[in-house]
């Protein structure tokens, strides 16, 4: 599946006002006026579930049709995502908030384009190396990205970022935490290292095997509970491909020392050690 594709087109008879600031070249999103009719057909595979959206519980249903995916999110959003990830048809979105409009539909559209979104921060070091930092909430991922930017790294993502099977990051994905008008970001950046962040009384750095990197990518991917069986298979192949392209010596388990009074200092020391090891 191709990774370099045209912008995703949102379509509908009326543009939701919340979308307007995000429909700009920086996010590779455009709007197209179109009459979108409700669908009554059921898919060959149906996925039902519950999840969290903008820290609120929600229910979802997906019908996997022959050439599209029908997504219904509680009573707020109904849309149709083309199988190639080119378009998101908004059948009903009058009461949908921004997290709903820019959340599940875009995650699925990106996945159909061969890009799976990873819950991670990303930054480019002064030497040009790009690192992806993933961690459980509260482990220091955002602090690490903020400190990296303060000492000369270029921040690419704070929370979510799509990654394709050729180990390229796509930072222009709408990032709600960075706001609708982020600094100019490259369309794609080669990933040079995968970092799993944790905290402990003392700092440590351990190399990850290729298998460990693949497992980490699978665990850190977002929206996978919505996938059909076929998409789960594609997701597994994607993680294996990314880990293989990175290869041995390109993944690390980075433990930040717990310094309650100086977390930035611990993060800066960890980044320096990481760069020294990564070369």
Protein backbone atom coordinates (compact mmCIF):
# COMPACT_ATOMS: atom_id res chain seq x y z
CA UNK A 1 0.00 0.00 0.00
CA UNK A 2 1.32 3.46 -0.92
CA UNK A 3 2.41 5.83 1.81
CA UNK A 4 2.70 9.02 -0.31
CA UNK A 5 -0.89 9.95 -1.11
CA UNK A 6 -3.03 13.02 -1.67
CA UNK A 7 -4.60 14.96 1.20
CA UNK A 8 -7.60 13.36 2.87
CA UNK A 9 -10.87 14.92 1.72
CA UNK A 10 -13.67 15.51 4.19
CA UNK A 11 -17.00 15.65 2.34
CA UNK A 12 -20.52 16.60 3.29
CA UNK A 13 -23.39 18.99 2.58
CA UNK A 14 -22.30 21.29 5.43
CA UNK A 15 -18.86 21.87 6.87
CA UNK A 16 -18.76 21.51 10.70
CA UNK A 17 -17.42 24.84 11.94
CA UNK A 18 -15.01 23.13 14.34
CA UNK A 19 -13.20 21.61 11.35
CA UNK A 20 -12.54 24.93 9.61
CA UNK A 21 -9.23 25.89 11.33
CA UNK A 22 -7.79 22.43 10.64
CA UNK A 23 -8.55 22.33 6.92
CA UNK A 24 -5.26 23.72 5.72
CA UNK A 25 -2.14 22.39 3.94
CA UNK A 26 -0.29 21.99 7.24
CA UNK A 27 -2.58 19.07 8.08
CA UNK A 28 -3.04 17.56 4.58
CA UNK A 29 -6.83 17.95 4.95
CA UNK A 30 -9.27 19.55 2.51
CA UNK A 31 -13.04 20.00 2.33
CA UNK A 32 -15.32 19.13 -0.57
CA UNK A 33 -19.02 20.00 -0.71
CA UNK A 34 -20.96 16.83 -1.50
CA UNK A 35 -24.35 15.31 -0.86
CA UNK A 36 -23.83 12.25 1.34
CA UNK A 37 -26.68 9.81 1.81
CA UNK A 38 -27.15 7.41 4.76
CA UNK A 39 -26.39 3.75 4.15
CA UNK A 40 -28.57 0.84 5.18
CA UNK A 41 -26.29 -1.99 4.03
CA UNK A 42 -24.50 -4.04 6.66
CA UNK A 43 -20.89 -5.04 6.25
CA UNK A 44 -19.36 -8.48 5.94
CA UNK A 45 -17.67 -7.87 9.29
CA UNK A 46 -19.04 -5.79 12.16
CA UNK A 47 -16.89 -4.45 15.00
CA UNK A 48 -18.64 -3.25 18.16
CA UNK A 49 -16.88 -1.75 21.14
CA UNK A 50 -16.50 0.81 23.87
CA UNK A 51 -13.63 3.19 24.30
CA UNK A 52 -12.55 6.64 25.42
CA UNK A 53 -12.63 9.78 23.33
CA UNK A 54 -11.35 13.05 24.79
CA UNK A 55 -11.43 11.33 28.20
CA UNK A 56 -15.14 10.53 27.81
CA UNK A 57 -16.57 7.00 27.41
CA UNK A 58 -18.11 6.25 24.03
CA UNK A 59 -19.53 3.36 22.03
CA UNK A 60 -18.73 2.64 18.41
CA UNK A 61 -19.82 0.39 15.59
CA UNK A 62 -17.98 -0.29 12.35
CA UNK A 63 -19.39 -2.07 9.32
CA UNK A 64 -16.68 -3.21 6.94
CA UNK A 65 -18.24 -2.93 3.49
CA UNK A 66 -16.76 -4.04 0.19
CA UNK A 67 -15.06 -0.71 -0.58
CA UNK A 68 -15.54 1.42 2.52
CA UNK A 69 -15.86 1.46 6.30
CA UNK A 70 -18.99 2.79 7.98
CA UNK A 71 -18.29 4.24 11.42
CA UNK A 72 -20.94 5.21 13.96
CA UNK A 73 -19.80 6.85 17.17
CA UNK A 74 -22.52 7.03 19.84
CA UNK A 75 -25.17 9.44 18.55
CA UNK A 76 -22.63 12.11 17.59
CA UNK A 77 -21.03 10.95 14.37
CA UNK A 78 -21.74 8.72 11.41
CA UNK A 79 -19.30 8.65 8.52
CA UNK A 80 -18.05 6.57 5.64
CA UNK A 81 -14.30 6.11 5.15
CA UNK A 82 -13.14 4.99 1.71
CA UNK A 83 -11.06 1.84 1.61
CA UNK A 84 -8.08 3.73 0.17
CA UNK A 85 -8.23 6.35 2.94
CA UNK A 86 -8.81 9.17 0.45
CA UNK A 87 -12.15 10.45 1.72
CA UNK A 88 -14.22 10.76 4.88
CA UNK A 89 -17.91 11.28 4.06
CA UNK A 90 -19.74 12.90 6.97
CA UNK A 91 -23.25 11.42 6.92
CA UNK A 92 -24.18 12.89 10.30
CA UNK A 93 -21.89 15.17 12.27
CA UNK A 94 -24.06 18.03 13.52
CA UNK A 95 -23.33 17.40 17.20
CA UNK A 96 -19.86 15.88 16.87
CA UNK A 97 -17.04 17.64 18.67
CA UNK A 98 -13.54 18.17 17.33
CA UNK A 99 -12.09 15.08 19.03
CA UNK A 100 -14.69 12.94 17.25
CA UNK A 101 -14.17 14.59 13.86
CA UNK A 102 -10.37 14.39 13.98
CA UNK A 103 -10.15 11.14 15.95
CA UNK A 104 -11.45 7.73 14.82
CA UNK A 105 -12.24 8.68 11.17
CA UNK A 106 -8.73 9.98 10.56
CA UNK A 107 -7.09 7.08 12.40
CA UNK A 108 -8.91 4.62 10.16
CA UNK A 109 -8.22 6.65 7.00
CA UNK A 110 -4.52 6.75 7.83
CA UNK A 111 -4.50 3.00 8.56
CA UNK A 112 -6.01 2.35 5.11
CA UNK A 113 -3.11 4.36 3.69
CA UNK A 114 -0.59 2.11 5.43
CA UNK A 115 0.13 4.57 8.24
CA UNK A 116 -0.69 3.48 11.78
CA UNK A 117 -0.83 6.16 14.46
CA UNK A 118 1.43 5.67 17.46
CA UNK A 119 0.80 7.14 20.91
CA UNK A 120 4.17 8.83 21.23
CA UNK A 121 6.11 12.06 21.12
CA UNK A 122 8.73 12.62 18.44
CA UNK A 123 11.69 14.98 18.11
CA UNK A 124 14.66 15.51 15.81
CA UNK A 125 18.05 15.90 17.49
CA UNK A 126 20.54 18.61 16.48
CA UNK A 127 22.50 15.93 14.59
CA UNK A 128 19.44 15.17 12.43
CA UNK A 129 18.47 11.90 14.12
CA UNK A 130 14.74 11.53 14.72
CA UNK A 131 13.55 9.66 17.79
CA UNK A 132 10.10 8.36 18.72
CA UNK A 133 9.38 8.31 22.47
CA UNK A 134 6.59 6.06 23.72
CA UNK A 135 5.62 5.46 27.33
CA UNK A 136 2.68 4.88 29.67
CA UNK A 137 0.93 8.07 30.74
CA UNK A 138 2.85 9.88 33.47
CA UNK A 139 6.20 8.25 32.67
CA UNK A 140 7.81 11.42 31.35
CA UNK A 141 7.21 11.25 27.59
CA UNK A 142 5.90 14.82 27.31
CA UNK A 143 8.55 16.16 29.70
CA UNK A 144 11.23 14.51 27.59
CA UNK A 145 9.87 16.12 24.40
CA UNK A 146 9.61 19.54 26.07
CA UNK A 147 13.17 19.37 27.43
CA UNK A 148 14.46 18.12 24.08
CA UNK A 149 12.96 21.19 22.38
CA UNK A 150 14.50 23.50 25.02
CA UNK A 151 18.01 22.16 24.34
CA UNK A 152 17.81 22.42 20.57
CA UNK A 153 15.83 19.41 19.37
CA UNK A 154 12.96 19.99 16.91
CA UNK A 155 9.61 18.81 18.26
CA UNK A 156 7.55 16.87 15.70
CA UNK A 157 4.73 15.42 17.80
CA UNK A 158 3.48 15.57 21.36
CA UNK A 159 0.91 12.79 21.54
CA UNK A 160 0.04 11.02 18.25
CA UNK A 161 1.96 10.56 15.02
CA UNK A 162 1.39 8.27 12.00
CA UNK A 163 4.22 5.94 11.00
CA UNK A 164 4.37 4.01 7.73
CA UNK A 165 5.84 0.58 7.00
CA UNK A 166 9.00 2.15 5.56
CA UNK A 167 9.75 3.64 9.00
CA UNK A 168 8.80 7.19 8.01
CA UNK A 169 6.95 9.53 10.36
CA UNK A 170 4.21 11.84 9.04
CA UNK A 171 4.09 14.82 11.45
CA UNK A 172 1.34 16.77 9.65
CA UNK A 173 -1.37 14.63 11.20
CA UNK A 174 -3.69 16.99 13.17
CA UNK A 175 -2.32 17.15 16.70
CA UNK A 176 -4.89 18.57 19.08
CA UNK A 177 -2.37 19.22 21.83
CA UNK A 178 -0.29 21.40 19.50
CA UNK A 179 -3.26 23.43 18.28
CA UNK A 180 -4.63 24.15 14.80
CA UNK A 181 -1.69 26.23 13.62
CA UNK A 182 1.50 24.31 14.45
CA UNK A 183 4.96 25.36 13.36
CA UNK A 184 5.78 24.30 9.79
CA UNK A 185 6.36 20.56 9.85
CA UNK A 186 7.92 18.32 7.20
CA UNK A 187 5.57 16.03 5.27
CA UNK A 188 7.62 13.01 6.33
CA UNK A 189 10.76 12.23 8.30
CA UNK A 190 12.80 9.05 8.47
CA UNK A 191 12.66 7.41 11.90
CA UNK A 192 16.11 6.69 13.32
CA UNK A 193 15.30 5.30 16.75
CA UNK A 194 12.48 3.95 18.89
CA UNK A 195 12.64 4.73 22.61
CA UNK A 196 10.52 3.20 25.37
CA UNK A 197 10.51 5.57 28.35
CA UNK A 198 10.05 4.58 31.99
CA UNK A 199 10.93 5.84 35.46
CA UNK A 200 12.93 4.26 38.27
CA UNK A 201 15.18 5.37 41.15
CA UNK A 202 18.25 5.34 38.88
CA UNK A 203 18.78 6.00 35.18
CA UNK A 204 19.43 3.19 32.73
CA UNK A 205 19.62 2.54 28.99
CA UNK A 206 19.12 -0.90 27.45
CA UNK A 207 19.05 -1.93 23.81
CA UNK A 208 15.81 -3.47 22.50
CA UNK A 209 15.80 -6.44 20.16
CA UNK A 210 13.99 -6.20 16.82
CA UNK A 211 11.23 -8.42 18.24
CA UNK A 212 10.87 -6.15 21.27
CA UNK A 213 10.57 -3.12 18.98
CA UNK A 214 7.82 -4.82 16.95
CA UNK A 215 5.90 -5.67 20.12
CA UNK A 216 6.32 -2.12 21.40
CA UNK A 217 4.92 -0.66 18.17
CA UNK A 218 1.93 -3.00 18.30
CA UNK A 219 1.20 -2.02 21.90
CA UNK A 220 1.64 1.71 21.26
CA UNK A 221 -0.63 1.84 18.18
CA UNK A 222 -3.90 3.76 18.55
CA UNK A 223 -7.35 2.72 17.38
CA UNK A 224 -6.55 -0.92 16.71
CA UNK A 225 -9.65 -2.16 18.54
CA UNK A 226 -11.64 -0.77 15.62
CA UNK A 227 -9.74 -2.85 13.05
CA UNK A 228 -11.24 -5.70 11.06
CA UNK A 229 -9.49 -9.08 11.01
CA UNK A 230 -7.76 -8.19 7.74
CA UNK A 231 -6.56 -4.85 9.13
CA UNK A 232 -5.17 -6.60 12.21
CA UNK A 233 -3.06 -8.71 9.87
CA UNK A 234 -1.85 -5.60 8.05
CA UNK A 235 -1.05 -4.00 11.40
CA UNK A 236 1.15 -6.97 12.38
CA UNK A 237 3.00 -6.80 9.05
CA UNK A 238 3.48 -3.05 9.53
CA UNK A 239 5.09 -3.46 12.98
CA UNK A 240 7.36 -6.21 11.69
CA UNK A 241 8.39 -4.09 8.71
CA UNK A 242 9.16 -0.96 10.78
CA UNK A 243 11.18 -2.90 13.36
CA UNK A 244 13.08 -4.71 10.61
CA UNK A 245 13.91 -1.49 8.80
CA UNK A 246 15.18 0.09 12.00
CA UNK A 247 17.21 -3.03 12.71
CA UNK A 248 19.38 -4.01 15.71
CA UNK A 249 20.78 -1.17 17.77
CA UNK A 250 18.00 1.30 16.88
CA UNK A 251 15.68 0.72 19.81
CA UNK A 252 16.21 1.42 23.51
CA UNK A 253 14.50 1.15 26.87
CA UNK A 254 15.32 4.50 28.50
CA UNK A 255 14.81 4.78 32.25
CA UNK A 256 14.61 8.29 33.66
CA UNK A 257 15.95 8.77 37.17
CA UNK A 258 13.28 9.95 39.58
CA UNK A 259 14.24 13.49 40.59
CA UNK A 260 11.00 15.06 41.86
CA UNK A 261 12.72 18.40 42.37
CA UNK A 262 14.48 18.40 38.97
CA UNK A 263 12.68 16.28 36.34
CA UNK A 264 14.06 18.44 33.52
CA UNK A 265 17.61 17.75 34.63
CA UNK A 266 16.94 13.99 34.60
CA UNK A 267 15.43 14.26 31.12
CA UNK A 268 18.37 16.28 29.78
CA UNK A 269 20.86 13.75 31.16
CA UNK A 270 18.87 10.89 29.62
CA UNK A 271 18.79 12.58 26.20
CA UNK A 272 22.53 13.18 26.27
CA UNK A 273 23.17 9.52 27.09
CA UNK A 274 20.77 8.42 24.35
CA UNK A 275 22.51 10.51 21.69
CA UNK A 276 25.93 9.28 22.79
CA UNK A 277 24.77 5.67 22.41
CA UNK A 278 22.83 6.21 19.17
CA UNK A 279 25.79 7.88 17.48
